[in-house]
PDB file of N, CA and C in Angstrom:
ATOM      1  N   MET A   1       0.844  -1.166   0.000  1.00  0.00           N
ATOM      2  CA  MET A   1       0.000   0.000   0.000  1.00  0.00           C
ATOM      3  C   MET A   1       0.897   1.239   0.000  1.00  0.00           C
ATOM      4  N   LEU A   2       0.570   2.197  -0.861  1.00  0.00           N
ATOM      5  CA  LEU A   2       1.442   3.352  -1.038  1.00  0.00           C
ATOM      6  C   LEU A   2       1.024   4.574  -0.224  1.00  0.00           C
ATOM      7  N   ILE A   3      -0.066   4.471   0.497  1.00  0.00           N
ATOM      8  CA  ILE A   3      -0.482   5.574   1.362  1.00  0.00           C
ATOM      9  C   ILE A   3       0.056   5.315   2.758  1.00  0.00           C
ATOM     10  N   HIS A   4       0.677   6.339   3.345  1.00  0.00           N
ATOM     11  CA  HIS A   4       1.313   6.208   4.645  1.00  0.00           C
ATOM     12  C   HIS A   4       0.660   7.140   5.665  1.00  0.00           C
ATOM     13  N   THR A   5       0.916   6.893   6.926  1.00  0.00           N
ATOM     14  CA  THR A   5       0.432   7.747   7.998  1.00  0.00           C
ATOM     15  C   THR A   5       1.025   9.149   7.849  1.00  0.00           C
ATOM     16  N   GLY A   6       0.184  10.155   7.978  1.00  0.00           N
ATOM     17  CA  GLY A   6       0.640  11.539   7.864  1.00  0.00           C
ATOM     18  C   GLY A   6       0.456  12.145   6.486  1.00  0.00           C
ATOM     19  N   ASP A   7       0.093  11.342   5.479  1.00  0.00           N
ATOM     20  CA  ASP A   7      -0.139  11.868   4.131  1.00  0.00           C
ATOM     21  C   ASP A   7      -1.414  12.693   4.089  1.00  0.00           C
ATOM     22  N   LEU A   8      -1.445  13.687   3.208  1.00  0.00           N
ATOM     23  CA  LEU A   8      -2.650  14.462   2.958  1.00  0.00           C
ATOM     24  C   LEU A   8      -3.409  13.770   1.841  1.00  0.00           C
ATOM     25  N   VAL A   9      -4.670  13.409   2.087  1.00  0.00           N
ATOM     26  CA  VAL A   9      -5.468  12.700   1.092  1.00  0.00           C
ATOM     27  C   VAL A   9      -6.785  13.428   0.858  1.00  0.00           C
ATOM     28  N   GLU A  10      -7.411  13.122  -0.283  1.00  0.00           N
ATOM     29  CA  GLU A  10      -8.730  13.646  -0.604  1.00  0.00           C
ATOM     30  C   GLU A  10      -9.684  12.468  -0.729  1.00  0.00           C
ATOM     31  N   VAL A  11     -10.833  12.560  -0.084  1.00  0.00           N
ATOM     32  CA  VAL A  11     -11.833  11.499  -0.126  1.00  0.00           C
ATOM     33  C   VAL A  11     -12.594  11.610  -1.441  1.00  0.00           C
ATOM     34  N   THR A  12     -12.753  10.480  -2.155  1.00  0.00           N
ATOM     35  CA  THR A  12     -13.366  10.509  -3.477  1.00  0.00           C
ATOM     36  C   THR A  12     -14.789   9.996  -3.509  1.00  0.00           C
ATOM     37  N   SER A  13     -15.285   9.387  -2.425  1.00  0.00           N
ATOM     38  CA  SER A  13     -16.659   8.900  -2.434  1.00  0.00           C
ATOM     39  C   SER A  13     -17.241   8.943  -1.032  1.00  0.00           C
ATOM     40  N   GLY A  14     -18.570   8.890  -0.968  1.00  0.00           N
ATOM     41  CA  GLY A  14     -19.251   8.901   0.319  1.00  0.00           C
ATOM     42  C   GLY A  14     -19.685  10.294   0.726  1.00  0.00           C
ATOM     43  N   ASN A  15     -20.128  10.426   1.969  1.00  0.00           N
ATOM     44  CA  ASN A  15     -20.621  11.705   2.473  1.00  0.00           C
ATOM     45  C   ASN A  15     -19.534  12.761   2.545  1.00  0.00           C
ATOM     46  N   ALA A  16     -18.304  12.357   2.713  1.00  0.00           N
ATOM     47  CA  ALA A  16     -17.191  13.299   2.876  1.00  0.00           C
ATOM     48  C   ALA A  16     -16.443  13.531   1.571  1.00  0.00           C
ATOM     49  N   ARG A  17     -17.089  13.312   0.435  1.00  0.00           N
ATOM     50  CA  ARG A  17     -16.419  13.489  -0.868  1.00  0.00           C
ATOM     51  C   ARG A  17     -15.863  14.900  -0.997  1.00  0.00           C
ATOM     52  N   GLY A  18     -14.598  14.996  -1.434  1.00  0.00           N
ATOM     53  CA  GLY A  18     -13.955  16.286  -1.614  1.00  0.00           C
ATOM     54  C   GLY A  18     -13.208  16.780  -0.392  1.00  0.00           C
ATOM     55  N   THR A  19     -13.336  16.096   0.724  1.00  0.00           N
ATOM     56  CA  THR A  19     -12.657  16.512   1.951  1.00  0.00           C
ATOM     57  C   THR A  19     -11.177  16.165   1.879  1.00  0.00           C
ATOM     58  N   ARG A  20     -10.337  17.131   2.212  1.00  0.00           N
ATOM     59  CA  ARG A  20      -8.896  16.887   2.288  1.00  0.00           C
ATOM     60  C   ARG A  20      -8.500  16.859   3.751  1.00  0.00           C
ATOM     61  N   ALA A  21      -7.836  15.770   4.141  1.00  0.00           N
ATOM     62  CA  ALA A  21      -7.443  15.620   5.543  1.00  0.00           C
ATOM     63  C   ALA A  21      -6.231  14.701   5.641  1.00  0.00           C
ATOM     64  N   LYS A  22      -5.687  14.606   6.848  1.00  0.00           N
ATOM     65  CA  LYS A  22      -4.481  13.825   7.116  1.00  0.00           C
ATOM     66  C   LYS A  22      -4.845  12.397   7.481  1.00  0.00           C
ATOM     67  N   VAL A  23      -4.003  11.443   7.068  1.00  0.00           N
ATOM     68  CA  VAL A  23      -4.193  10.040   7.420  1.00  0.00           C
ATOM     69  C   VAL A  23      -3.660   9.825   8.833  1.00  0.00           C
ATOM     70  N   LEU A  24      -4.514   9.289   9.709  1.00  0.00           N
ATOM     71  CA  LEU A  24      -4.113   9.048  11.098  1.00  0.00           C
ATOM     72  C   LEU A  24      -3.465   7.685  11.273  1.00  0.00           C
ATOM     73  N   SER A  25      -4.003   6.660  10.582  1.00  0.00           N
ATOM     74  CA  SER A  25      -3.401   5.330  10.654  1.00  0.00           C
ATOM     75  C   SER A  25      -3.766   4.539   9.407  1.00  0.00           C
ATOM     76  N   VAL A  26      -2.953   3.530   9.132  1.00  0.00           N
ATOM     77  CA  VAL A  26      -3.138   2.666   7.957  1.00  0.00           C
ATOM     78  C   VAL A  26      -3.234   1.228   8.438  1.00  0.00           C
ATOM     79  N   ARG A  27      -4.255   0.521   7.971  1.00  0.00           N
ATOM     80  CA  ARG A  27      -4.427  -0.890   8.307  1.00  0.00           C
ATOM     81  C   ARG A  27      -4.180  -1.696   7.042  1.00  0.00           C
ATOM     82  N   THR A  28      -2.965  -2.229   6.894  1.00  0.00           N
ATOM     83  CA  THR A  28      -2.591  -2.934   5.669  1.00  0.00           C
ATOM     84  C   THR A  28      -3.238  -4.299   5.563  1.00  0.00           C
ATOM     85  N   ASP A  29      -3.612  -4.910   6.686  1.00  0.00           N
ATOM     86  CA  ASP A  29      -4.175  -6.253   6.631  1.00  0.00           C
ATOM     87  C   ASP A  29      -5.533  -6.291   5.932  1.00  0.00           C
ATOM     88  N   ASP A  30      -6.356  -5.254   6.080  1.00  0.00           N
ATOM     89  CA  ASP A  30      -7.645  -5.240   5.403  1.00  0.00           C
ATOM     90  C   ASP A  30      -7.819  -4.067   4.438  1.00  0.00           C
ATOM     91  N   GLY A  31      -6.748  -3.319   4.143  1.00  0.00           N
ATOM     92  CA  GLY A  31      -6.780  -2.273   3.131  1.00  0.00           C
ATOM     93  C   GLY A  31      -7.636  -1.076   3.513  1.00  0.00           C
ATOM     94  N   LYS A  32      -7.509  -0.630   4.744  1.00  0.00           N
ATOM     95  CA  LYS A  32      -8.305   0.508   5.200  1.00  0.00           C
ATOM     96  C   LYS A  32      -7.408   1.573   5.811  1.00  0.00           C
ATOM     97  N   VAL A  33      -7.887   2.814   5.779  1.00  0.00           N
ATOM     98  CA  VAL A  33      -7.176   3.938   6.374  1.00  0.00           C
ATOM     99  C   VAL A  33      -8.136   4.710   7.273  1.00  0.00           C
ATOM    100  N   VAL A  34      -7.593   5.334   8.308  1.00  0.00           N
ATOM    101  CA  VAL A  34      -8.374   6.203   9.181  1.00  0.00           C
ATOM    102  C   VAL A  34      -7.961   7.628   8.846  1.00  0.00           C
ATOM    103  N   VAL A  35      -8.944   8.428   8.396  1.00  0.00           N
ATOM    104  CA  VAL A  35      -8.688   9.797   7.961  1.00  0.00           C
ATOM    105  C   VAL A  35      -9.303  10.747   8.979  1.00  0.00           C
ATOM    106  N   GLU A  36      -8.571  11.805   9.292  1.00  0.00           N
ATOM    107  CA  GLU A  36      -8.975  12.759  10.320  1.00  0.00           C
ATOM    108  C   GLU A  36     -10.286  13.454   9.937  1.00  0.00           C
ATOM    109  N   GLY A  37     -11.307  13.317  10.794  1.00  0.00           N
ATOM    110  CA  GLY A  37     -12.580  13.997  10.588  1.00  0.00           C
ATOM    111  C   GLY A  37     -13.522  13.329   9.605  1.00  0.00           C
ATOM    112  N   VAL A  38     -13.183  12.155   9.088  1.00  0.00           N
ATOM    113  CA  VAL A  38     -14.009  11.463   8.100  1.00  0.00           C
ATOM    114  C   VAL A  38     -14.550  10.179   8.722  1.00  0.00           C
ATOM    115  N   ASN A  39     -15.810   9.855   8.441  1.00  0.00           N
ATOM    116  CA  ASN A  39     -16.484   8.651   8.930  1.00  0.00           C
ATOM    117  C   ASN A  39     -16.507   8.625  10.457  1.00  0.00           C
ATOM    118  N   ARG A  40     -17.003   9.711  11.041  1.00  0.00           N
ATOM    119  CA  ARG A  40     -17.076   9.826  12.497  1.00  0.00           C
ATOM    120  C   ARG A  40     -18.303   9.081  13.012  1.00  0.00           C
ATOM    121  N   VAL A  41     -18.123   8.361  14.113  1.00  0.00           N
ATOM    122  CA  VAL A  41     -19.226   7.676  14.784  1.00  0.00           C
ATOM    123  C   VAL A  41     -19.208   8.079  16.254  1.00  0.00           C
ATOM    124  N   TYR A  42     -20.335   7.882  16.918  1.00  0.00           N
ATOM    125  CA  TYR A  42     -20.446   8.227  18.331  1.00  0.00           C
ATOM    126  C   TYR A  42     -20.486   6.966  19.166  1.00  0.00           C
ATOM    127  N   ARG A  43     -19.715   6.968  20.217  1.00  0.00           N
ATOM    128  CA  ARG A  43     -19.700   5.873  21.180  1.00  0.00           C
ATOM    129  C   ARG A  43     -20.345   6.420  22.449  1.00  0.00           C
ATOM    130  N   HIS A  44     -21.459   5.814  22.866  1.00  0.00           N
ATOM    131  CA  HIS A  44     -22.160   6.268  24.062  1.00  0.00           C
ATOM    132  C   HIS A  44     -21.508   5.622  25.285  1.00  0.00           C
ATOM    133  N   MET A  45     -20.979   6.462  26.169  1.00  0.00           N
ATOM    134  CA  MET A  45     -20.242   5.980  27.331  1.00  0.00           C
ATOM    135  C   MET A  45     -21.056   6.194  28.601  1.00  0.00           C
ATOM    136  N   LYS A  46     -21.110   5.161  29.416  1.00  0.00           N
ATOM    137  CA  LYS A  46     -21.752   5.236  30.716  1.00  0.00           C
ATOM    138  C   LYS A  46     -20.806   5.946  31.684  1.00  0.00           C
ATOM    139  N   ARG A  47     -21.337   6.569  32.711  1.00  0.00           N
ATOM    140  CA  ARG A  47     -20.482   7.228  33.691  1.00  0.00           C
ATOM    141  C   ARG A  47     -19.641   6.192  34.433  1.00  0.00           C
ATOM    142  N   SER A  48     -18.373   6.511  34.662  1.00  0.00           N
ATOM    143  CA  SER A  48     -17.477   5.622  35.397  1.00  0.00           C
ATOM    144  C   SER A  48     -16.409   6.483  36.068  1.00  0.00           C
ATOM    145  N   GLN A  49     -15.512   5.846  36.800  1.00  0.00           N
ATOM    146  CA  GLN A  49     -14.423   6.608  37.421  1.00  0.00           C
ATOM    147  C   GLN A  49     -13.493   7.161  36.349  1.00  0.00           C
ATOM    148  N   LYS A  50     -13.290   6.397  35.304  1.00  0.00           N
ATOM    149  CA  LYS A  50     -12.404   6.844  34.233  1.00  0.00           C
ATOM    150  C   LYS A  50     -13.044   7.992  33.441  1.00  0.00           C
ATOM    151  N   ASN A  51     -14.351   7.912  33.228  1.00  0.00           N
ATOM    152  CA  ASN A  51     -15.084   8.918  32.475  1.00  0.00           C
ATOM    153  C   ASN A  51     -16.260   9.390  33.351  1.00  0.00           C
ATOM    154  N   PRO A  52     -16.031  10.325  34.296  1.00  0.00           N
ATOM    155  CA  PRO A  52     -17.050  10.656  35.297  1.00  0.00           C
ATOM    156  C   PRO A  52     -18.290  11.335  34.721  1.00  0.00           C
ATOM    157  N   GLN A  53     -18.164  12.013  33.598  1.00  0.00           N
ATOM    158  CA  GLN A  53     -19.318  12.704  33.052  1.00  0.00           C
ATOM    159  C   GLN A  53     -20.136  11.795  32.133  1.00  0.00           C
ATOM    160  N   GLY A  54     -19.489  10.831  31.482  1.00  0.00           N
ATOM    161  CA  GLY A  54     -20.194   9.983  30.520  1.00  0.00           C
ATOM    162  C   GLY A  54     -20.483  10.771  29.255  1.00  0.00           C
ATOM    163  N   GLY A  55     -21.456  10.312  28.476  1.00  0.00           N
ATOM    164  CA  GLY A  55     -21.858  11.061  27.285  1.00  0.00           C
ATOM    165  C   GLY A  55     -21.440  10.369  26.006  1.00  0.00           C
ATOM    166  N   ARG A  56     -21.357  11.169  24.935  1.00  0.00           N
ATOM    167  CA  ARG A  56     -21.028  10.633  23.619  1.00  0.00           C
ATOM    168  C   ARG A  56     -19.600  11.011  23.246  1.00  0.00           C
ATOM    169  N   LEU A  57     -18.797  10.022  22.917  1.00  0.00           N
ATOM    170  CA  LEU A  57     -17.439  10.262  22.448  1.00  0.00           C
ATOM    171  C   LEU A  57     -17.412  10.035  20.949  1.00  0.00           C
ATOM    172  N   SER A  58     -16.853  10.968  20.216  1.00  0.00           N
ATOM    173  CA  SER A  58     -16.789  10.880  18.761  1.00  0.00           C
ATOM    174  C   SER A  58     -15.417  10.373  18.344  1.00  0.00           C
ATOM    175  N   ARG A  59     -15.396   9.436  17.383  1.00  0.00           N
ATOM    176  CA  ARG A  59     -14.116   8.939  16.888  1.00  0.00           C
ATOM    177  C   ARG A  59     -14.238   8.574  15.415  1.00  0.00           C
ATOM    178  N   GLU A  60     -13.094   8.547  14.726  1.00  0.00           N
ATOM    179  CA  GLU A  60     -13.068   8.212  13.311  1.00  0.00           C
ATOM    180  C   GLU A  60     -12.981   6.705  13.141  1.00  0.00           C
ATOM    181  N   MET A  61     -13.681   6.193  12.133  1.00  0.00           N
ATOM    182  CA  MET A  61     -13.628   4.779  11.794  1.00  0.00           C
ATOM    183  C   MET A  61     -12.931   4.634  10.443  1.00  0.00           C
ATOM    184  N   PRO A  62     -12.397   3.442  10.155  1.00  0.00           N
ATOM    185  CA  PRO A  62     -11.650   3.250   8.912  1.00  0.00           C
ATOM    186  C   PRO A  62     -12.548   3.301   7.672  1.00  0.00           C
ATOM    187  N   ILE A  63     -11.956   3.760   6.566  1.00  0.00           N
ATOM    188  CA  ILE A  63     -12.593   3.695   5.256  1.00  0.00           C
ATOM    189  C   ILE A  63     -11.656   2.971   4.318  1.00  0.00           C
ATOM    190  N   SER A  64     -12.164   2.493   3.212  1.00  0.00           N
ATOM    191  CA  SER A  64     -11.350   1.744   2.259  1.00  0.00           C
ATOM    192  C   SER A  64     -10.316   2.648   1.606  1.00  0.00           C
ATOM    193  N   VAL A  65      -9.151   2.100   1.364  1.00  0.00           N
ATOM    194  CA  VAL A  65      -8.071   2.874   0.756  1.00  0.00           C
ATOM    195  C   VAL A  65      -8.412   3.236  -0.699  1.00  0.00           C
ATOM    196  N   SER A  66      -9.353   2.503  -1.312  1.00  0.00           N
ATOM    197  CA  SER A  66      -9.745   2.813  -2.681  1.00  0.00           C
ATOM    198  C   SER A  66     -10.599   4.071  -2.760  1.00  0.00           C
ATOM    199  N   ASN A  67     -11.069   4.570  -1.624  1.00  0.00           N
ATOM    200  CA  ASN A  67     -11.907   5.765  -1.596  1.00  0.00           C
ATOM    201  C   ASN A  67     -11.126   7.043  -1.320  1.00  0.00           C
ATOM    202  N   VAL A  68      -9.807   6.977  -1.324  1.00  0.00           N
ATOM    203  CA  VAL A  68      -8.990   8.173  -1.105  1.00  0.00           C
ATOM    204  C   VAL A  68      -7.917   8.261  -2.181  1.00  0.00           C
ATOM    205  N   LEU A  69      -7.538   9.495  -2.498  1.00  0.00           N
ATOM    206  CA  LEU A  69      -6.419   9.773  -3.395  1.00  0.00           C
ATOM    207  C   LEU A  69      -5.455  10.685  -2.667  1.00  0.00           C
ATOM    208  N   ILE A  70      -4.168  10.460  -2.857  1.00  0.00           N
ATOM    209  CA  ILE A  70      -3.168  11.289  -2.206  1.00  0.00           C
ATOM    210  C   ILE A  70      -3.096  12.639  -2.919  1.00  0.00           C
ATOM    211  N   VAL A  71      -2.839  13.703  -2.163  1.00  0.00           N
ATOM    212  CA  VAL A  71      -2.738  15.050  -2.717  1.00  0.00           C
ATOM    213  C   VAL A  71      -1.257  15.374  -2.905  1.00  0.00           C
ATOM    214  N   CYS A  72      -0.882  15.692  -4.139  1.00  0.00           N
ATOM    215  CA  CYS A  72       0.512  16.015  -4.469  1.00  0.00           C
ATOM    216  C   CYS A  72       0.851  17.398  -3.898  1.00  0.00           C
ATOM    217  N   ALA A  73       2.016  17.502  -3.286  1.00  0.00           N
ATOM    218  CA  ALA A  73       2.430  18.776  -2.682  1.00  0.00           C
ATOM    219  C   ALA A  73       2.817  19.804  -3.742  1.00  0.00           C
ATOM    220  N   SER A  74       3.334  19.367  -4.895  1.00  0.00           N
ATOM    221  CA  SER A  74       3.803  20.326  -5.889  1.00  0.00           C
ATOM    222  C   SER A  74       2.678  20.855  -6.781  1.00  0.00           C
ATOM    223  N   CYS A  75       1.745  19.985  -7.207  1.00  0.00           N
ATOM    224  CA  CYS A  75       0.659  20.461  -8.074  1.00  0.00           C
ATOM    225  C   CYS A  75      -0.649  20.636  -7.316  1.00  0.00           C
ATOM    226  N   SER A  76      -0.706  20.238  -6.058  1.00  0.00           N
ATOM    227  CA  SER A  76      -1.861  20.328  -5.155  1.00  0.00           C
ATOM    228  C   SER A  76      -3.141  19.768  -5.764  1.00  0.00           C
ATOM    229  N   LYS A  77      -3.010  18.649  -6.481  1.00  0.00           N
ATOM    230  CA  LYS A  77      -4.157  17.945  -7.039  1.00  0.00           C
ATOM    231  C   LYS A  77      -4.214  16.543  -6.453  1.00  0.00           C
ATOM    232  N   ALA A  78      -5.426  16.002  -6.350  1.00  0.00           N
ATOM    233  CA  ALA A  78      -5.582  14.617  -5.917  1.00  0.00           C
ATOM    234  C   ALA A  78      -5.176  13.723  -7.082  1.00  0.00           C
ATOM    235  N   THR A  79      -4.283  12.785  -6.827  1.00  0.00           N
ATOM    236  CA  THR A  79      -3.723  11.990  -7.909  1.00  0.00           C
ATOM    237  C   THR A  79      -3.417  10.577  -7.460  1.00  0.00           C
ATOM    238  N   ARG A  80      -3.316   9.702  -8.440  1.00  0.00           N
ATOM    239  CA  ARG A  80      -2.801   8.373  -8.160  1.00  0.00           C
ATOM    240  C   ARG A  80      -1.283   8.495  -8.014  1.00  0.00           C
ATOM    241  N   ILE A  81      -0.668   7.505  -7.391  1.00  0.00           N
ATOM    242  CA  ILE A  81       0.774   7.555  -7.214  1.00  0.00           C
ATOM    243  C   ILE A  81       1.411   6.289  -7.757  1.00  0.00           C
ATOM    244  N   GLY A  82       2.634   6.449  -8.221  1.00  0.00           N
ATOM    245  CA  GLY A  82       3.412   5.333  -8.715  1.00  0.00           C
ATOM    246  C   GLY A  82       4.737   5.275  -7.988  1.00  0.00           C
ATOM    247  N   VAL A  83       5.562   4.315  -8.376  1.00  0.00           N
ATOM    248  CA  VAL A  83       6.870   4.149  -7.752  1.00  0.00           C
ATOM    249  C   VAL A  83       7.933   4.245  -8.833  1.00  0.00           C
ATOM    250  N   ARG A  84       8.958   5.065  -8.578  1.00  0.00           N
ATOM    251  CA  ARG A  84      10.088   5.205  -9.495  1.00  0.00           C
ATOM    252  C   ARG A  84      11.321   4.635  -8.814  1.00  0.00           C
ATOM    253  N   VAL A  85      12.018   3.725  -9.500  1.00  0.00           N
ATOM    254  CA  VAL A  85      13.249   3.148  -8.976  1.00  0.00           C
ATOM    255  C   VAL A  85      14.415   3.842  -9.672  1.00  0.00           C
ATOM    256  N   ALA A  86      15.281   4.456  -8.886  1.00  0.00           N
ATOM    257  CA  ALA A  86      16.439   5.167  -9.438  1.00  0.00           C
ATOM    258  C   ALA A  86      17.558   4.179  -9.734  1.00  0.00           C
ATOM    259  N   ALA A  87      18.566   4.648 -10.435  1.00  0.00           N
ATOM    260  CA  ALA A  87      19.703   3.803 -10.808  1.00  0.00           C
ATOM    261  C   ALA A  87      20.494   3.344  -9.578  1.00  0.00           C
ATOM    262  N   ASP A  88      20.474   4.128  -8.494  1.00  0.00           N
ATOM    263  CA  ASP A  88      21.220   3.749  -7.294  1.00  0.00           C
ATOM    264  C   ASP A  88      20.438   2.793  -6.398  1.00  0.00           C
ATOM    265  N   GLY A  89      19.233   2.392  -6.789  1.00  0.00           N
ATOM    266  CA  GLY A  89      18.464   1.418  -6.035  1.00  0.00           C
ATOM    267  C   GLY A  89      17.442   2.008  -5.090  1.00  0.00           C
ATOM    268  N   SER A  90      17.350   3.342  -5.043  1.00  0.00           N
ATOM    269  CA  SER A  90      16.357   3.948  -4.155  1.00  0.00           C
ATOM    270  C   SER A  90      14.993   3.985  -4.837  1.00  0.00           C
ATOM    271  N   LYS A  91      13.941   3.921  -4.022  1.00  0.00           N
ATOM    272  CA  LYS A  91      12.579   3.986  -4.530  1.00  0.00           C
ATOM    273  C   LYS A  91      11.928   5.257  -4.020  1.00  0.00           C
ATOM    274  N   ALA A  92      11.092   5.878  -4.866  1.00  0.00           N
ATOM    275  CA  ALA A  92      10.373   7.080  -4.466  1.00  0.00           C
ATOM    276  C   ALA A  92       8.942   7.002  -4.970  1.00  0.00           C
ATOM    277  N   ARG A  93       8.009   7.537  -4.177  1.00  0.00           N
ATOM    278  CA  ARG A  93       6.621   7.646  -4.622  1.00  0.00           C
ATOM    279  C   ARG A  93       6.527   8.852  -5.547  1.00  0.00           C
ATOM    280  N   VAL A  94       5.780   8.705  -6.657  1.00  0.00           N
ATOM    281  CA  VAL A  94       5.753   9.718  -7.700  1.00  0.00           C
ATOM    282  C   VAL A  94       4.308  10.077  -8.032  1.00  0.00           C
ATOM    283  N   CYS A  95       4.039  11.368  -8.230  1.00  0.00           N
ATOM    284  CA  CYS A  95       2.741  11.854  -8.678  1.00  0.00           C
ATOM    285  C   CYS A  95       2.549  11.462 -10.143  1.00  0.00           C
ATOM    286  N   LYS A  96       1.391  10.890 -10.482  1.00  0.00           N
ATOM    287  CA  LYS A  96       1.117  10.468 -11.857  1.00  0.00           C
ATOM    288  C   LYS A  96       0.790  11.648 -12.767  1.00  0.00           C
ATOM    289  N   LYS A  97       0.400  12.794 -12.194  1.00  0.00           N
ATOM    290  CA  LYS A  97       0.016  13.942 -13.022  1.00  0.00           C
ATOM    291  C   LYS A  97       1.204  14.825 -13.384  1.00  0.00           C
ATOM    292  N   CYS A  98       2.036  15.173 -12.383  1.00  0.00           N
ATOM    293  CA  CYS A  98       3.132  16.110 -12.650  1.00  0.00           C
ATOM    294  C   CYS A  98       4.504  15.453 -12.575  1.00  0.00           C
ATOM    295  N   LYS A  99       4.561  14.151 -12.297  1.00  0.00           N
ATOM    296  CA  LYS A  99       5.808  13.366 -12.244  1.00  0.00           C
ATOM    297  C   LYS A  99       6.774  13.832 -11.161  1.00  0.00           C
ATOM    298  N   ALA A 100       6.295  14.547 -10.149  1.00  0.00           N
ATOM    299  CA  ALA A 100       7.151  15.020  -9.060  1.00  0.00           C
ATOM    300  C   ALA A 100       7.247  13.944  -7.981  1.00  0.00           C
ATOM    301  N   ASP A 101       8.396  13.894  -7.299  1.00  0.00           N
ATOM    302  CA  ASP A 101       8.573  12.952  -6.195  1.00  0.00           C
ATOM    303  C   ASP A 101       7.750  13.410  -4.998  1.00  0.00           C
ATOM    304  N   ILE A 102       7.046  12.463  -4.373  1.00  0.00           N
ATOM    305  CA  ILE A 102       6.265  12.756  -3.177  1.00  0.00           C
ATOM    306  C   ILE A 102       7.088  12.459  -1.937  1.00  0.00           C
ATOM    307  N   SER A 103       7.696  11.265  -1.884  1.00  0.00           N
ATOM    308  CA  SER A 103       8.575  10.919  -0.776  1.00  0.00           C
ATOM    309  C   SER A 103       9.408   9.708  -1.164  1.00  0.00           C
ATOM    310  N   VAL A 104      10.454   9.459  -0.382  1.00  0.00           N
ATOM    311  CA  VAL A 104      11.327   8.315  -0.622  1.00  0.00           C
ATOM    312  C   VAL A 104      10.771   7.113   0.134  1.00  0.00           C
ATOM    313  N   VAL A 105      10.577   5.994  -0.573  1.00  0.00           N
ATOM    314  CA  VAL A 105      10.075   4.782   0.055  1.00  0.00           C
ATOM    315  C   VAL A 105      11.229   3.979   0.631  1.00  0.00           C
ATOM    316  N   ARG A 106      12.285   3.844  -0.156  1.00  0.00           N
ATOM    317  CA  ARG A 106      13.453   3.095   0.291  1.00  0.00           C
ATOM    318  C   ARG A 106      14.706   3.881  -0.083  1.00  0.00           C
ATOM    319  N   PRO A 107      15.607   4.115   0.876  1.00  0.00           N
ATOM    320  CA  PRO A 107      16.829   4.857   0.554  1.00  0.00           C
ATOM    321  C   PRO A 107      17.773   4.032  -0.318  1.00  0.00           C
ATOM    322  N   THR A 108      18.890   4.630  -0.663  1.00  0.00           N
ATOM    323  CA  THR A 108      19.868   3.983  -1.524  1.00  0.00           C
ATOM    324  C   THR A 108      20.380   2.701  -0.903  1.00  0.00           C
ATOM    325  N   ARG A 109      20.468   1.665  -1.718  1.00  0.00           N
ATOM    326  CA  ARG A 109      21.014   0.382  -1.240  1.00  0.00           C
ATOM    327  C   ARG A 109      22.514   0.383  -1.442  1.00  0.00           C
ATOM    328  N   ASN A 110      23.232  -0.099  -0.439  1.00  0.00           N
ATOM    329  CA  ASN A 110      24.674  -0.201  -0.541  1.00  0.00           C
ATOM    330  C   ASN A 110      25.020  -1.513  -1.229  1.00  0.00           C
ATOM    331  N   LYS A 111      25.842  -1.444  -2.269  1.00  0.00           N
ATOM    332  CA  LYS A 111      26.266  -2.642  -2.954  1.00  0.00           C
ATOM    333  C   LYS A 111      27.463  -3.252  -2.227  1.00  0.00           C
ATOM    334  N   LYS A 112      27.454  -4.557  -2.139  1.00  0.00           N
ATOM    335  CA  LYS A 112      28.547  -5.254  -1.455  1.00  0.00           C
ATOM    336  C   LYS A 112      29.792  -5.246  -2.340  1.00  0.00           C
ATOM    337  N   ALA A 113      30.931  -5.081  -1.695  1.00  0.00           N
ATOM    338  CA  ALA A 113      32.197  -5.112  -2.430  1.00  0.00           C
ATOM    339  C   ALA A 113      32.518  -6.550  -2.789  1.00  0.00           C
ATOM    340  N   GLY A 114      32.798  -6.784  -4.038  1.00  0.00           N
ATOM    341  CA  GLY A 114      33.167  -8.108  -4.492  1.00  0.00           C
ATOM    342  C   GLY A 114      31.977  -8.931  -4.961  1.00  0.00           C
ATOM    343  N   ALA A 115      30.805  -8.383  -4.949  1.00  0.00           N
ATOM    344  CA  ALA A 115      29.630  -9.128  -5.397  1.00  0.00           C
ATOM    345  C   ALA A 115      29.250  -8.789  -6.804  1.00  0.00           C
TER     346      ALA A 115
END
């Protein structure tokens, strides 16, 4: 999965379509992401020592990674992303629209001497 925690994404479907927000967490096992302020649900809490007032607590629930697009920092458009492998062995995430690097996925690999 090419979307990471902390990326700025735009929601492409559902009630929050068009919303741009930060990714809070990524769940790679089931292909879901938690986006800040999107897909909020209320948890009704009973009064307790830990939560003396009780009430409704709001929290974000995961949405499918197919419903978000990453926002490129250079062209500020929601875009698909690809991976570019450089000659030195490093990998970088790349914007499909403007071909600009978004971030480095893997740094340069050191080649073994004598191999």
